[in-house]
Structure formats: structure tokens, C-alpha cells
Protein backbone atom coordinates (compact mmCIF):
# COMPACT_ATOMS: atom_id res chain seq x y z
CA MET A 1 -45.87 11.89 31.30
CA ASP A 2 -47.40 14.77 33.23
CA ILE A 3 -48.00 14.01 36.88
CA MET A 4 -51.63 14.96 36.60
CA ILE A 5 -52.33 12.59 33.68
CA LEU A 6 -50.68 9.87 35.73
CA GLN A 7 -52.87 10.51 38.58
CA LYS A 8 -56.04 10.69 36.49
CA GLY A 9 -55.07 7.40 34.82
CA GLY A 10 -54.75 5.58 38.09
CA LEU A 11 -52.42 2.65 38.74
CA VAL A 12 -52.43 1.47 35.18
CA MET A 13 -50.85 4.68 34.10
CA TYR A 14 -48.03 4.19 36.60
CA GLY A 15 -47.58 0.66 35.28
CA LEU A 16 -47.42 2.08 31.74
CA ALA A 17 -44.86 4.72 32.86
CA ALA A 18 -42.59 1.96 34.39
CA LEU A 19 -43.05 -0.19 31.16
CA SER A 20 -41.93 2.84 29.06
CA VAL A 21 -38.83 3.38 31.20
CA TYR A 22 -38.04 -0.31 30.65
CA ALA A 23 -38.41 -0.11 26.89
CA VAL A 24 -36.18 2.96 26.72
CA ALA A 25 -33.53 1.26 28.80
CA VAL A 26 -33.55 -1.85 26.61
CA VAL A 27 -33.25 0.32 23.47
CA ILE A 28 -30.29 2.21 24.88
CA PHE A 29 -28.68 -1.06 25.98
CA LYS A 30 -29.11 -2.71 22.58
CA VAL A 31 -27.58 0.22 20.84
CA ILE A 32 -24.57 0.28 23.17
CA GLN A 33 -24.27 -3.53 22.79
CA PHE A 34 -24.38 -3.38 19.03
CA ARG A 35 -21.58 -0.78 18.86
CA LYS A 36 -19.36 -2.78 21.28
CA SER A 37 -20.10 -5.92 19.16
CA ASN A 38 -18.85 -3.91 16.09
CA VAL A 39 -21.94 -5.29 14.05
CA PHE A 40 -22.02 -2.15 11.77
CA ASP A 41 -18.33 -2.55 10.52
CA HIS A 42 -17.97 -4.79 7.46
CA SER A 43 -14.87 -3.18 6.02
CA PHE A 44 -12.62 -6.07 7.22
CA ILE A 45 -14.56 -8.81 5.27
CA GLU A 46 -13.13 -8.43 1.88
CA PRO A 47 -9.37 -8.14 2.98
CA ALA A 48 -9.84 -11.19 5.17
CA LEU A 49 -11.46 -13.24 2.41
CA ARG A 50 -8.71 -12.22 0.08
CA GLU A 51 -5.98 -13.24 2.53
CA ILE A 52 -7.81 -16.62 3.07
CA LYS A 53 -8.14 -17.16 -0.59
CA GLN A 54 -4.37 -16.52 -1.04
CA GLY A 55 -3.56 -19.08 1.52
CA ASP A 56 -1.85 -16.65 3.79
CA ARG A 57 -2.98 -18.22 7.15
CA ALA A 58 -0.87 -16.02 9.41
CA ARG A 59 -2.03 -12.65 7.89
CA ALA A 60 -5.73 -13.86 7.76
CA THR A 61 -5.65 -15.07 11.37
CA LYS A 62 -4.01 -11.81 12.52
CA THR A 63 -6.66 -9.63 10.72
CA LEU A 64 -9.54 -11.48 12.12
CA ALA A 65 -8.08 -11.82 15.62
CA SER A 66 -7.60 -8.00 15.79
CA THR A 67 -11.33 -7.35 14.88
CA LYS A 68 -14.13 -7.62 17.32
CA GLY A 69 -17.57 -8.75 16.71
CA PRO A 70 -19.68 -11.99 15.80
CA ILE A 71 -18.84 -11.66 12.03
CA ALA A 72 -15.07 -11.67 12.51
CA ARG A 73 -15.40 -14.43 15.08
CA ILE A 74 -17.43 -16.76 12.88
CA MET A 75 -14.89 -16.07 9.99
CA ARG A 76 -12.07 -16.94 12.33
CA VAL A 77 -13.74 -20.21 13.51
CA THR A 78 -14.60 -21.17 10.10
CA PHE A 79 -11.14 -20.50 8.84
CA GLU A 80 -9.66 -22.54 11.67
CA CYS A 81 -11.98 -25.42 10.86
CA VAL A 82 -11.11 -25.35 7.26
CA ALA A 83 -7.43 -25.31 8.03
CA ASN A 84 -7.72 -28.15 10.43
CA ARG A 85 -7.09 -31.35 8.36
CA GLU A 86 -8.15 -33.65 11.31
CA MET A 87 -11.74 -32.35 11.66
CA SER A 88 -14.50 -34.10 9.59
CA GLN A 89 -17.07 -32.13 7.56
CA LYS A 90 -19.83 -32.74 10.16
CA SER A 91 -17.53 -31.64 13.04
CA LYS A 92 -16.67 -28.38 11.20
CA GLU A 93 -20.40 -27.52 10.59
CA ALA A 94 -21.29 -28.31 14.10
CA GLU A 95 -18.54 -26.16 15.53
CA ILE A 96 -19.49 -23.24 13.06
CA MET A 97 -23.11 -23.50 14.00
CA ARG A 98 -22.32 -23.62 17.68
CA VAL A 99 -20.25 -20.47 17.69
CA GLY A 100 -22.74 -18.70 15.46
CA SER A 101 -25.72 -19.44 17.63
CA ALA A 102 -24.05 -18.33 20.69
CA ASP A 103 -23.28 -14.95 19.21
CA LEU A 104 -26.76 -14.56 17.95
CA ARG A 105 -28.28 -15.40 21.17
CA TYR A 106 -26.04 -12.81 22.77
CA LEU A 107 -27.29 -10.13 20.38
CA GLU A 108 -30.87 -11.24 20.83
CA SER A 109 -30.75 -10.69 24.61
CA HIS A 110 -33.46 -8.54 26.10
CA LEU A 111 -35.07 -8.31 22.68
CA ARG A 112 -37.99 -10.46 23.97
CA GLY A 113 -38.51 -7.95 26.76
CA LEU A 114 -38.87 -5.10 24.28
CA GLU A 115 -41.40 -7.27 22.33
CA MET A 116 -43.28 -8.00 25.54
CA ALA A 117 -43.58 -4.29 26.35
CA ALA A 118 -44.83 -3.54 22.86
CA SER A 119 -47.45 -6.36 23.27
CA VAL A 120 -48.46 -5.69 26.96
CA ALA A 121 -48.78 -1.97 26.81
CA PRO A 122 -51.97 -1.82 24.66
CA LEU A 123 -53.63 -4.55 26.81
CA MET A 124 -52.69 -2.46 30.07
CA GLY A 125 -54.18 0.62 28.35
CA LEU A 126 -57.47 -1.24 27.43
CA LEU A 127 -57.62 -2.69 30.91
CA GLY A 128 -57.29 0.83 32.40
CA THR A 129 -59.99 2.14 30.00
CA VAL A 130 -62.28 -0.69 30.97
CA ILE A 131 -61.71 -0.05 34.74
CA GLY A 132 -62.35 3.62 34.20
CA MET A 133 -65.46 3.03 32.25
CA ILE A 134 -66.80 0.77 35.06
CA GLY A 135 -66.22 3.40 37.62
CA SER A 136 -67.87 6.10 35.42
CA PHE A 137 -71.04 4.03 34.82
CA SER A 138 -71.03 3.14 38.45
CA LYS A 139 -71.18 6.72 39.38
CA LEU A 140 -73.81 7.35 36.81
CA SER A 141 -76.09 4.59 38.15
CA LEU A 142 -75.80 6.18 41.71
CA SER A 143 -76.99 9.47 40.44
CA GLY A 144 -80.50 8.22 39.77
CA THR A 145 -82.58 10.37 37.46
CA ARG A 146 -80.24 13.44 37.90
CA VAL A 147 -77.80 12.42 35.11
CA ASP A 148 -75.01 15.09 34.62
CA PRO A 149 -73.41 14.43 31.15
CA THR A 150 -70.28 16.27 32.31
CA VAL A 151 -69.70 13.63 34.93
CA LEU A 152 -69.96 10.92 32.40
CA ALA A 153 -67.75 12.72 29.83
CA GLY A 154 -65.14 13.45 32.43
CA GLY A 155 -65.03 9.76 33.46
CA ILE A 156 -64.79 8.61 29.88
CA TRP A 157 -61.96 11.07 29.18
CA GLU A 158 -60.04 9.87 32.21
CA ALA A 159 -60.53 6.26 31.22
CA LEU A 160 -59.34 6.74 27.74
CA LEU A 161 -56.00 8.19 29.03
CA THR A 162 -54.77 4.72 29.67
CA THR A 163 -55.46 3.56 26.07
CA ALA A 164 -53.65 6.55 24.76
CA GLY A 165 -50.78 5.91 27.15
CA GLY A 166 -50.71 2.22 26.21
CA LEU A 167 -50.54 3.03 22.51
CA ALA A 168 -47.89 5.75 23.17
CA VAL A 169 -45.67 3.15 24.72
CA ALA A 170 -46.38 0.19 22.40
CA ILE A 171 -45.80 1.96 19.10
CA PRO A 172 -42.25 3.21 19.73
CA ALA A 173 -41.35 -0.11 21.33
CA LEU A 174 -42.71 -2.17 18.45
CA ALA A 175 -40.91 0.05 15.91
CA ALA A 176 -37.65 -0.28 17.93
CA HIS A 177 -38.11 -3.98 18.21
CA TYR A 178 -38.44 -4.30 14.42
CA LEU A 179 -35.35 -2.07 13.88
CA LEU A 180 -33.18 -3.95 16.21
CA ASP A 181 -34.35 -7.28 14.99
CA GLY A 182 -33.46 -6.12 11.41
CA VAL A 183 -29.99 -5.35 12.41
CA ILE A 184 -29.71 -8.80 14.02
CA GLU A 185 -31.16 -10.47 10.93
CA LYS A 186 -28.55 -8.59 8.71
CA VAL A 187 -25.77 -9.85 11.03
CA ARG A 188 -27.13 -13.46 10.76
CA ALA A 189 -27.24 -13.26 6.96
CA THR A 190 -23.75 -11.82 6.74
CA MET A 191 -22.42 -14.60 9.19
CA LYS A 192 -23.97 -17.23 7.11
CA ASP A 193 -22.60 -15.61 3.90
CA VAL A 194 -19.00 -15.36 4.90
CA SER A 195 -19.10 -18.84 6.35
CA ILE A 196 -20.22 -20.36 3.12
CA GLN A 197 -17.63 -18.32 1.21
CA ILE A 198 -14.79 -19.64 3.29
CA LEU A 199 -16.11 -23.19 3.15
CA ALA A 200 -16.35 -22.80 -0.63
CA LEU A 201 -12.81 -21.47 -0.71
CA GLU A 202 -11.46 -24.61 1.02
CA ASP A 203 -10.06 -26.28 -2.03
CA GLU A 204 -8.56 -23.15 -3.46
CA PHE A 205 -7.22 -22.27 -0.05
CA ARG A 206 -5.53 -25.68 0.20
CA ARG A 207 -3.98 -25.27 -3.36
CA ASN A 208 -2.63 -21.87 -2.48
CA GLU A 209 -1.34 -23.17 0.85
CA ARG A 210 0.56 -25.92 -0.94
CA ALA A 211 1.90 -23.38 -3.32
CA LEU A 212 3.10 -21.17 -0.42
CA ALA A 213 4.57 -24.14 1.22
CA ILE A 214 6.49 -25.12 -1.95
CA GLU A 215 7.67 -21.47 -2.25
CA GLU A 216 8.67 -21.31 1.39
CA SER A 217 10.62 -24.63 0.88
CA ARG A 218 12.35 -23.10 -2.09
CA ARG A 219 13.33 -19.97 -0.23
CA ALA A 220 14.53 -22.14 2.70
CA GLU A 221 16.75 -24.25 0.23
CA ALA A 222 18.06 -21.21 -1.33
CA ASN A 223 19.02 -19.75 2.04
CA ARG A 224 20.68 -23.01 3.01
CA ARG A 225 22.63 -22.95 -0.13
CA ASN A 226 23.65 -19.35 0.38
CA VAL A 227 24.79 -20.19 3.88
CA GLU A 228 26.79 -23.31 2.68
CA GLU A 229 28.36 -21.06 0.01
CA SER A 230 29.31 -18.58 2.51
CA GLU A 231 30.73 -21.15 4.86
CA ARG A 232 32.68 -22.64 1.86
CA LYS A 233 34.20 -19.29 1.06
CA MET A 234 35.03 -18.66 4.57
CA ARG A 235 36.78 -22.11 4.72
CA GLU A 236 38.61 -21.27 1.52
CA ASP A 237 39.69 -17.86 2.80
CA ASP A 238 40.91 -19.44 6.08
CA ASP A 239 42.89 -22.01 4.10
CA GLN A 240 44.38 -19.57 1.86
CA LYS A 241 45.28 -17.32 4.89
CA LYS A 242 46.99 -20.39 6.55
CA ARG A 243 48.92 -21.11 3.36
CA ASP A 244 50.02 -17.53 3.09
CA GLU A 245 51.18 -17.59 6.71
CA ALA A 246 53.05 -20.88 6.10
CA ASP A 247 54.77 -19.47 3.01
CA ALA A 248 55.63 -16.37 4.99
CA TRP A 249 57.10 -18.43 7.75
CA ALA A 250 59.14 -20.51 5.46
CA GLU A 251 60.46 -17.54 3.65
CA THR A 252 61.43 -16.06 7.04
CA GLN A 253 63.28 -19.34 8.05
CA ARG A 254 65.11 -19.40 4.81
CA LYS A 255 66.34 -15.97 5.21
CA ASN A 256 67.47 -16.53 8.76
CA SER A 257 69.14 -20.05 8.15
CA PRO A 258 73.13 -20.27 8.15
CA GLN A 259 74.79 -19.99 4.76
CA LYS A 260 76.48 -22.98 3.14
CA THR A 261 80.17 -23.86 3.64
CA SER A 262 81.09 -23.16 0.08
CA THR A 263 79.72 -19.76 0.40
CA LEU A 264 81.76 -19.10 3.50
CA HIS A 265 84.93 -20.22 1.79
CA LEU A 266 84.42 -17.71 -0.93
CA LEU A 267 83.84 -14.90 1.53
CA SER A 268 86.59 -15.86 3.94
CA PRO A 269 89.57 -17.67 2.15
CA LYS A 270 91.60 -17.58 5.29
CA TYR A 271 89.76 -20.44 6.69
CA THR A 272 90.71 -22.79 3.98
CA ASN A 273 93.69 -25.13 4.50
CA ALA A 274 96.98 -24.36 2.55
CA THR A 275 97.93 -26.98 0.09
């Protein structure tokens, strides 16, 4: 706002200027907060729901844990509650509601302040106008019979500045409030929708989880059998190797053993006694 307009509007205009700065700061803060909270990204929802439906607990948990934001958090909490066999239905619903309410309260922070600025600004402008009109008519009464219309018109003009200033602050603040509240309402609806979907998939998730457990058991049994078969083959190979070594040693001993006496007699007749 122009410095001259602020001066003509009086203290109320300075208050409206401060209120406008606060409203702008809240809007900037909320936009940054929403971006950090990842409220505009919904691309992970369908893959995560598909993994949950298939019963792939590890992949679903990894997908949701690597994604920031209240939607991913409520999906992760709901999935953990569904997968926990020891929790009752009421405990699951209470935990889901607790986490969801905390995230929504965080997103709604400072939104009341923006609503307050949009509501108070017109009232402050009206107050400034009334004060200005009182001052103008007070000056008019002191002039007696010599009334100068320009003095009255100038006083009214200055008084109406505060009304215009109040509306100039209130209208953008109210519009921003509705837009931000609409984003939060969409996040709230999405959180509720994904929670209901995951809870509805509980029976199917458990069936798929049992199927995966059976398949994992079969793979483990097949691996065990393969290991046993490999160990059996290794034992057989070792036994065969030992037998081959024993046969080779026996053959070596046979070749290196002394010849029989009859054979010696045939080769060396001189060693035989003469008859």
C-alpha cells in the first residue's frame, strides 16, 4: 500500500497492512507445507494397493515407507494394522483414526489464522470508516454556518479508504482459505478412501498371504531337497573316490609283492635239490 494512503487511513490502515502481511505469510507457509507433505502426489497409491492385494507385505511396506506424506502414512498404518493378527477391530480403527487425525491437524495448522484475517479485515475497515466519519462530522459541526463541502467530501474519502483496505485484505485471504481448505478436504477424502480399501482387502490379503506362505514353503522344501541331493552325490563321489584309491593301492601292493616259490623254481632250477 502507498505510504500516503496509509497515513490518510490512520492507525486502522497500519493494522490492515500488518494483517495483509500475516495473510500472505500464512499462504506461503501453507504452500511450502503442502509440497513438503507430498499431498499432491497420488501416483504411488495404485501400485501400493496392488502389492497389498497380492499379499506382498515386504514390497508394499517398502513402497509406502519410501513415500512421504499423510496419505502414504495412513496407508502404511492401515496395512500394518490389517497384518497384525493380535489387534482387535476396534483397536485397528482407533489407531487409524489417531494417525489420520494427527496428520490432518498438522495440515490445518495456521488455517484458522487465515480465516481470522479474512473475517477481521472488513470489520477493521468498517471501524476505520466510522472513526473517519466521526472526525469529518466533528469538523463540520465546528465550522458553524460556513460549511465547505470539499472538507466533508475529503473527510469521507479518507474514511472510506479503510473500508476499501479491509476488503482488499479480506477477499484474497478468504479465497486463499477456501482453496487451501479444499486441498485439505481432498487429502482427507483420499485418506479415508485408501483406508477403507485396505480394510476391505483384508480377507483377500490374508488369502494371498497364505498362498505366498505355501509357495515359499514349497520353494524352501525344493531347495532343501536339492541340497540333500547335492550332499548325497558328494558322498557318493567321495565313496567312489575312496574305493578307487583302495583298488589302486591293492593293485600296487599286488605288483610289488614277492613271487611264489613255484615260480622261482621255474625261473632258477639251480636252487632245487638234486634227486
